[in-house]
Amino acid sequence: MTHKIRWMPHCRDASRMVSESMDVRPPFSRRMAMWVHLIMCRYCYRFRCQILFLRKMSCIDAEDAVDAMDGQDAVLSPEARDRLKKIVEDGCGKAFDD
């Protein structure tokens, strides 16, 4: 007879907890369950790393983004670059000021 560990979430639940934890801090018990799962499951751990990377890249500083484009074949017109720069400055800059 096998015993299931009831406090250990499945991958689907763990990935949902990782996504939700980006917006709202979960209760201690859910955080611990998520971390136990992440320690044991390398795929969910990779998913968490990818989510954190995407979060970081989506709110990169506008000047850094424009500087990163210099020296490359720019596909965007200067007007489009200015619009994107303004959107990044107005939106993402305020999201993570703590």
N, C-alpha and C. Protein backbone atom coordinates (compact mmCIF):
# COMPACT_ATOMS: atom_id res chain seq x y z
N MET A 1 0.84 -1.16 0.00
CA MET A 1 0.00 0.00 0.00
C MET A 1 0.89 1.24 0.00
N THR A 2 0.61 2.18 -0.89
CA THR A 2 1.40 3.40 -0.95
C THR A 2 0.64 4.53 -0.27
N HIS A 3 1.39 5.40 0.34
CA HIS A 3 0.81 6.57 1.00
C HIS A 3 1.14 7.81 0.19
N LYS A 4 0.15 8.61 -0.03
CA LYS A 4 0.37 9.86 -0.74
C LYS A 4 0.67 10.95 0.26
N ILE A 5 1.58 11.81 -0.12
CA ILE A 5 1.89 12.96 0.72
C ILE A 5 0.87 14.05 0.38
N ARG A 6 -0.01 14.34 1.28
CA ARG A 6 -1.10 15.27 0.99
C ARG A 6 -0.65 16.73 0.98
N TRP A 7 0.40 17.06 1.72
CA TRP A 7 0.83 18.45 1.78
C TRP A 7 1.73 18.83 0.62
N MET A 8 2.12 17.87 -0.18
CA MET A 8 2.98 18.13 -1.33
C MET A 8 2.13 18.42 -2.55
N PRO A 9 2.19 19.64 -3.09
CA PRO A 9 1.36 19.97 -4.24
C PRO A 9 1.87 19.30 -5.52
N HIS A 10 0.98 19.10 -6.46
CA HIS A 10 1.34 18.58 -7.78
C HIS A 10 1.99 19.71 -8.57
N CYS A 11 2.60 19.38 -9.69
CA CYS A 11 3.26 20.39 -10.52
C CYS A 11 2.29 21.48 -10.97
N ARG A 12 1.10 21.08 -11.35
CA ARG A 12 0.11 22.06 -11.80
C ARG A 12 -0.20 23.06 -10.68
N ASP A 13 -0.37 22.56 -9.47
CA ASP A 13 -0.65 23.43 -8.33
C ASP A 13 0.56 24.30 -7.99
N ALA A 14 1.74 23.71 -8.05
CA ALA A 14 2.96 24.46 -7.73
C ALA A 14 3.19 25.58 -8.72
N SER A 15 2.99 25.32 -10.01
CA SER A 15 3.18 26.37 -11.01
C SER A 15 2.14 27.48 -10.83
N ARG A 16 0.94 27.12 -10.46
CA ARG A 16 -0.09 28.13 -10.18
C ARG A 16 0.32 28.97 -8.97
N MET A 17 0.86 28.31 -7.93
CA MET A 17 1.30 29.04 -6.74
C MET A 17 2.45 29.99 -7.06
N VAL A 18 3.36 29.54 -7.92
CA VAL A 18 4.48 30.40 -8.33
C VAL A 18 3.95 31.63 -9.04
N SER A 19 3.03 31.45 -9.95
CA SER A 19 2.45 32.57 -10.69
C SER A 19 1.71 33.52 -9.76
N GLU A 20 0.91 32.98 -8.87
CA GLU A 20 0.15 33.82 -7.94
C GLU A 20 1.05 34.54 -6.96
N SER A 21 2.17 33.92 -6.59
CA SER A 21 3.07 34.54 -5.63
C SER A 21 3.77 35.77 -6.20
N MET A 22 3.73 35.94 -7.51
CA MET A 22 4.29 37.14 -8.12
C MET A 22 3.43 38.37 -7.81
N ASP A 23 2.14 38.15 -7.57
CA ASP A 23 1.22 39.25 -7.32
C ASP A 23 0.91 39.42 -5.84
N VAL A 24 0.67 38.31 -5.15
CA VAL A 24 0.23 38.35 -3.76
C VAL A 24 1.08 37.37 -2.95
N ARG A 25 1.51 37.81 -1.78
CA ARG A 25 2.29 36.92 -0.91
C ARG A 25 1.36 35.87 -0.31
N PRO A 26 1.59 34.59 -0.62
CA PRO A 26 0.71 33.54 -0.10
C PRO A 26 0.94 33.30 1.39
N PRO A 27 0.00 32.64 2.05
CA PRO A 27 0.19 32.30 3.46
C PRO A 27 1.43 31.42 3.65
N PHE A 28 1.94 31.42 4.86
CA PHE A 28 3.17 30.70 5.17
C PHE A 28 3.09 29.22 4.77
N SER A 29 1.98 28.57 5.07
CA SER A 29 1.86 27.14 4.78
C SER A 29 1.94 26.87 3.27
N ARG A 30 1.33 27.73 2.47
CA ARG A 30 1.39 27.55 1.01
C ARG A 30 2.78 27.83 0.48
N ARG A 31 3.45 28.85 1.05
CA ARG A 31 4.83 29.14 0.64
C ARG A 31 5.74 27.96 0.93
N MET A 32 5.58 27.37 2.10
CA MET A 32 6.42 26.24 2.46
C MET A 32 6.15 25.04 1.55
N ALA A 33 4.89 24.78 1.27
CA ALA A 33 4.55 23.68 0.36
C ALA A 33 5.14 23.93 -1.03
N MET A 34 5.07 25.19 -1.49
CA MET A 34 5.62 25.53 -2.79
C MET A 34 7.14 25.33 -2.79
N TRP A 35 7.83 25.77 -1.74
CA TRP A 35 9.28 25.65 -1.69
C TRP A 35 9.72 24.18 -1.59
N VAL A 36 8.99 23.39 -0.85
CA VAL A 36 9.33 21.96 -0.77
C VAL A 36 9.21 21.34 -2.16
N HIS A 37 8.16 21.70 -2.87
CA HIS A 37 7.97 21.17 -4.22
C HIS A 37 9.10 21.66 -5.13
N LEU A 38 9.45 22.96 -5.04
CA LEU A 38 10.49 23.51 -5.90
C LEU A 38 11.85 22.87 -5.63
N ILE A 39 12.09 22.51 -4.39
CA ILE A 39 13.35 21.84 -4.05
C ILE A 39 13.41 20.45 -4.68
N MET A 40 12.28 19.80 -4.75
CA MET A 40 12.24 18.42 -5.24
C MET A 40 12.00 18.30 -6.75
N CYS A 41 11.44 19.33 -7.36
CA CYS A 41 11.07 19.26 -8.79
C CYS A 41 11.86 20.29 -9.59
N ARG A 42 12.80 19.83 -10.37
CA ARG A 42 13.64 20.76 -11.11
C ARG A 42 12.88 21.47 -12.22
N TYR A 43 11.82 20.86 -12.73
CA TYR A 43 11.06 21.49 -13.80
C TYR A 43 10.26 22.69 -13.28
N CYS A 44 9.66 22.54 -12.14
CA CYS A 44 8.94 23.67 -11.54
C CYS A 44 9.90 24.76 -11.08
N TYR A 45 11.09 24.35 -10.62
CA TYR A 45 12.10 25.32 -10.24
C TYR A 45 12.54 26.13 -11.46
N ARG A 46 12.72 25.45 -12.59
CA ARG A 46 13.07 26.14 -13.84
C ARG A 46 11.95 27.08 -14.26
N PHE A 47 10.71 26.62 -14.11
CA PHE A 47 9.56 27.47 -14.44
C PHE A 47 9.61 28.74 -13.61
N ARG A 48 9.89 28.62 -12.32
CA ARG A 48 9.97 29.79 -11.44
C ARG A 48 11.09 30.72 -11.91
N CYS A 49 12.24 30.19 -12.26
CA CYS A 49 13.34 31.01 -12.75
C CYS A 49 12.96 31.73 -14.04
N GLN A 50 12.25 31.05 -14.92
CA GLN A 50 11.83 31.67 -16.17
C GLN A 50 10.82 32.79 -15.92
N ILE A 51 9.89 32.58 -14.99
CA ILE A 51 8.91 33.61 -14.67
C ILE A 51 9.60 34.83 -14.09
N LEU A 52 10.56 34.61 -13.19
CA LEU A 52 11.30 35.73 -12.60
C LEU A 52 12.10 36.48 -13.67
N PHE A 53 12.69 35.74 -14.60
CA PHE A 53 13.44 36.36 -15.69
C PHE A 53 12.52 37.21 -16.56
N LEU A 54 11.36 36.66 -16.94
CA LEU A 54 10.42 37.42 -17.76
C LEU A 54 9.92 38.66 -17.04
N ARG A 55 9.69 38.55 -15.74
CA ARG A 55 9.25 39.69 -14.95
C ARG A 55 10.32 40.78 -14.96
N LYS A 56 11.56 40.37 -14.79
CA LYS A 56 12.66 41.32 -14.77
C LYS A 56 12.83 41.98 -16.14
N MET A 57 12.77 41.21 -17.20
CA MET A 57 12.98 41.74 -18.54
C MET A 57 11.82 42.61 -19.02
N SER A 58 10.62 42.33 -18.52
CA SER A 58 9.48 43.13 -18.96
C SER A 58 9.50 44.52 -18.35
N CYS A 59 10.27 44.71 -17.31
CA CYS A 59 10.33 46.02 -16.64
C CYS A 59 11.74 46.57 -16.64
N ILE A 60 12.49 46.25 -17.67
CA ILE A 60 13.84 46.77 -17.78
C ILE A 60 13.77 48.28 -17.97
N ASP A 61 14.75 48.97 -17.50
CA ASP A 61 14.81 50.42 -17.63
C ASP A 61 14.79 50.79 -19.11
N ALA A 62 14.03 51.81 -19.46
CA ALA A 62 13.86 52.21 -20.85
C ALA A 62 15.19 52.60 -21.48
N GLU A 63 16.05 53.31 -20.74
CA GLU A 63 17.34 53.71 -21.29
C GLU A 63 18.21 52.48 -21.59
N ASP A 64 18.18 51.49 -20.71
CA ASP A 64 18.95 50.28 -20.95
C ASP A 64 18.44 49.55 -22.19
N ALA A 65 17.13 49.54 -22.37
CA ALA A 65 16.55 48.88 -23.54
C ALA A 65 16.97 49.58 -24.82
N VAL A 66 16.95 50.91 -24.81
CA VAL A 66 17.36 51.66 -26.00
C VAL A 66 18.85 51.48 -26.24
N ASP A 67 19.65 51.51 -25.17
CA ASP A 67 21.10 51.30 -25.32
C ASP A 67 21.40 49.92 -25.86
N ALA A 68 20.64 48.93 -25.44
CA ALA A 68 20.85 47.56 -25.91
C ALA A 68 20.56 47.45 -27.40
N MET A 69 19.68 48.30 -27.91
CA MET A 69 19.34 48.25 -29.33
C MET A 69 20.39 48.94 -30.19
N ASP A 70 21.17 49.87 -29.63
CA ASP A 70 22.20 50.57 -30.40
C ASP A 70 23.23 49.57 -30.90
N GLY A 71 23.67 49.79 -32.10
CA GLY A 71 24.66 48.89 -32.67
C GLY A 71 24.06 47.69 -33.37
N GLN A 72 22.76 47.53 -33.24
CA GLN A 72 22.08 46.44 -33.93
C GLN A 72 21.26 47.04 -35.05
N ASP A 73 20.84 46.21 -35.96
CA ASP A 73 19.97 46.68 -37.02
C ASP A 73 18.61 47.01 -36.42
N ALA A 74 18.33 48.29 -36.30
CA ALA A 74 17.06 48.73 -35.72
C ALA A 74 15.95 48.55 -36.73
N VAL A 75 14.92 47.84 -36.33
CA VAL A 75 13.79 47.58 -37.20
C VAL A 75 12.70 48.62 -36.96
N LEU A 76 12.70 49.20 -35.77
CA LEU A 76 11.67 50.16 -35.42
C LEU A 76 12.05 51.57 -35.87
N SER A 77 11.04 52.34 -36.23
CA SER A 77 11.28 53.74 -36.56
C SER A 77 11.57 54.52 -35.27
N PRO A 78 12.19 55.67 -35.38
CA PRO A 78 12.46 56.47 -34.18
C PRO A 78 11.18 56.82 -33.41
N GLU A 79 10.08 57.04 -34.12
CA GLU A 79 8.82 57.36 -33.45
C GLU A 79 8.32 56.17 -32.63
N ALA A 80 8.43 54.98 -33.20
CA ALA A 80 7.99 53.77 -32.49
C ALA A 80 8.87 53.52 -31.27
N ARG A 81 10.15 53.76 -31.40
CA ARG A 81 11.06 53.60 -30.26
C ARG A 81 10.70 54.57 -29.14
N ASP A 82 10.38 55.81 -29.52
CA ASP A 82 10.00 56.80 -28.51
C ASP A 82 8.70 56.41 -27.81
N ARG A 83 7.73 55.89 -28.57
CA ARG A 83 6.47 55.45 -27.96
C ARG A 83 6.71 54.31 -26.99
N LEU A 84 7.51 53.33 -27.39
CA LEU A 84 7.82 52.20 -26.50
C LEU A 84 8.58 52.66 -25.27
N LYS A 85 9.50 53.58 -25.45
CA LYS A 85 10.27 54.10 -24.31
C LYS A 85 9.34 54.77 -23.32
N LYS A 86 8.38 55.55 -23.82
CA LYS A 86 7.43 56.24 -22.94
C LYS A 86 6.55 55.23 -22.20
N ILE A 87 6.10 54.19 -22.89
CA ILE A 87 5.26 53.17 -22.26
C ILE A 87 6.02 52.48 -21.14
N VAL A 88 7.27 52.12 -21.39
CA VAL A 88 8.08 51.44 -20.38
C VAL A 88 8.31 52.35 -19.18
N GLU A 89 8.62 53.61 -19.44
CA GLU A 89 8.85 54.56 -18.34
C GLU A 89 7.60 54.78 -17.51
N ASP A 90 6.46 54.91 -18.17
CA ASP A 90 5.21 55.19 -17.46
C ASP A 90 4.66 53.96 -16.74
N GLY A 91 4.79 52.78 -17.34
CA GLY A 91 4.16 51.60 -16.77
C GLY A 91 5.02 50.82 -15.81
N CYS A 92 6.12 50.32 -16.27
CA CYS A 92 6.93 49.40 -15.47
C CYS A 92 7.71 50.09 -14.38
N GLY A 93 8.07 51.32 -14.56
CA GLY A 93 8.86 51.99 -13.56
C GLY A 93 8.14 52.13 -12.23
N LYS A 94 6.83 52.21 -12.26
CA LYS A 94 6.04 52.39 -11.04
C LYS A 94 5.65 51.07 -10.39
N ALA A 95 5.73 49.98 -11.13
CA ALA A 95 5.21 48.71 -10.64
C ALA A 95 6.01 48.13 -9.49
N PHE A 96 7.31 48.36 -9.45
CA PHE A 96 8.14 47.68 -8.46
C PHE A 96 8.90 48.65 -7.56
N ASP A 97 8.43 49.87 -7.44
CA ASP A 97 9.08 50.81 -6.52
C ASP A 97 8.71 50.45 -5.11
N ASP A 98 9.66 49.98 -4.34
CA ASP A 98 9.42 49.61 -2.94
C ASP A 98 10.38 50.34 -2.05
